[in-house]
Amino acid sequence: MAIPLVPAPATIRLPIASFEARNDHAFPGRRAAVVYLQGCPLACGYCETASSMRPARRAAPGEWDAIQGLLAARAGELDAVVFSGGEPTLHPDLPTAAEACRSLGLAVGLHTAGPYPERLERLLPGLDWVALDTKGRGADFDRIGGRRGIWRQHALSLSLLLEAGVPFECRTTLHWRDLTLEDLERLAMTLADCGVRRYAIQLARLERCLDPAYRDAIEDAPPREALETLVRRLRPHFEHLELRG
């Protein structure tokens, strides 16, 4: 009698940087846990997490198993899990981990800058929400992210999201060292023209910036009132536009 061969469960290897048991802002309308994955190909001066997220590393055995156990133990307390970072799409096992979360009855969200559109495309069927970090237009994106040509990858990722129909928002972290009011307006209008309907502008927290030069206030920074006036002017071009911070 032949004994059928049962494939062993896939081993999921993800380098966990940290875990947030509850965050009601990471996934709009959901009670979400956030899994932060280590590693990012970008080098944004305003980054708050680079000191704990870089450099990329191999996952140790059992790291994801421990997180999955925590999620399973909190069944009924959570509606969703969000993968953030760092840059979570850096890791090839992410789609399998997302599938494991869905098997627990959790919706799955993703925070990404879109540097790997081919990996995002593979993930999209298993995602319920995406926050796409949009740093600037064209060359501005490359300058802020510290990686040449990355804006083209980001643009491909945005196109995938627009075509897929997965709910998403674009979000821009605003540091006056990187962008002017005019830059921000051009970026927002470009996104609106592309079909983006949800947009968030979040102010960099100077005291947490990775680059010491970004921790100093910009003397000629526009006043808060000027930014709020711009946001009011932009709001009719989006279904939802939020200023955070």
Foldseek 3Di string as FASTA:
>chain_A
DDDDDDDDDDFFFFAFLDKACFDCPPFPPWTEIETAGADAPFDAQLDQCPVRRDDHDTGDGPPLVVVLVSLLVCPPVTAAYEYHYRARLVGQRVLVSLVSVVVSNHAYEYEHQQQAQVSVLVNVVSHQEYEHEDAFPDPLSCVRRVHPPSVVRSVSNVVSCVVSVRHYEYEYEDQPVRDALVRVLVRLVVCLVVPGAHYEYEYRQLVSGPNVVSNDHDPPHDDPVVVVVSQVVSVVSHNYYYYHD
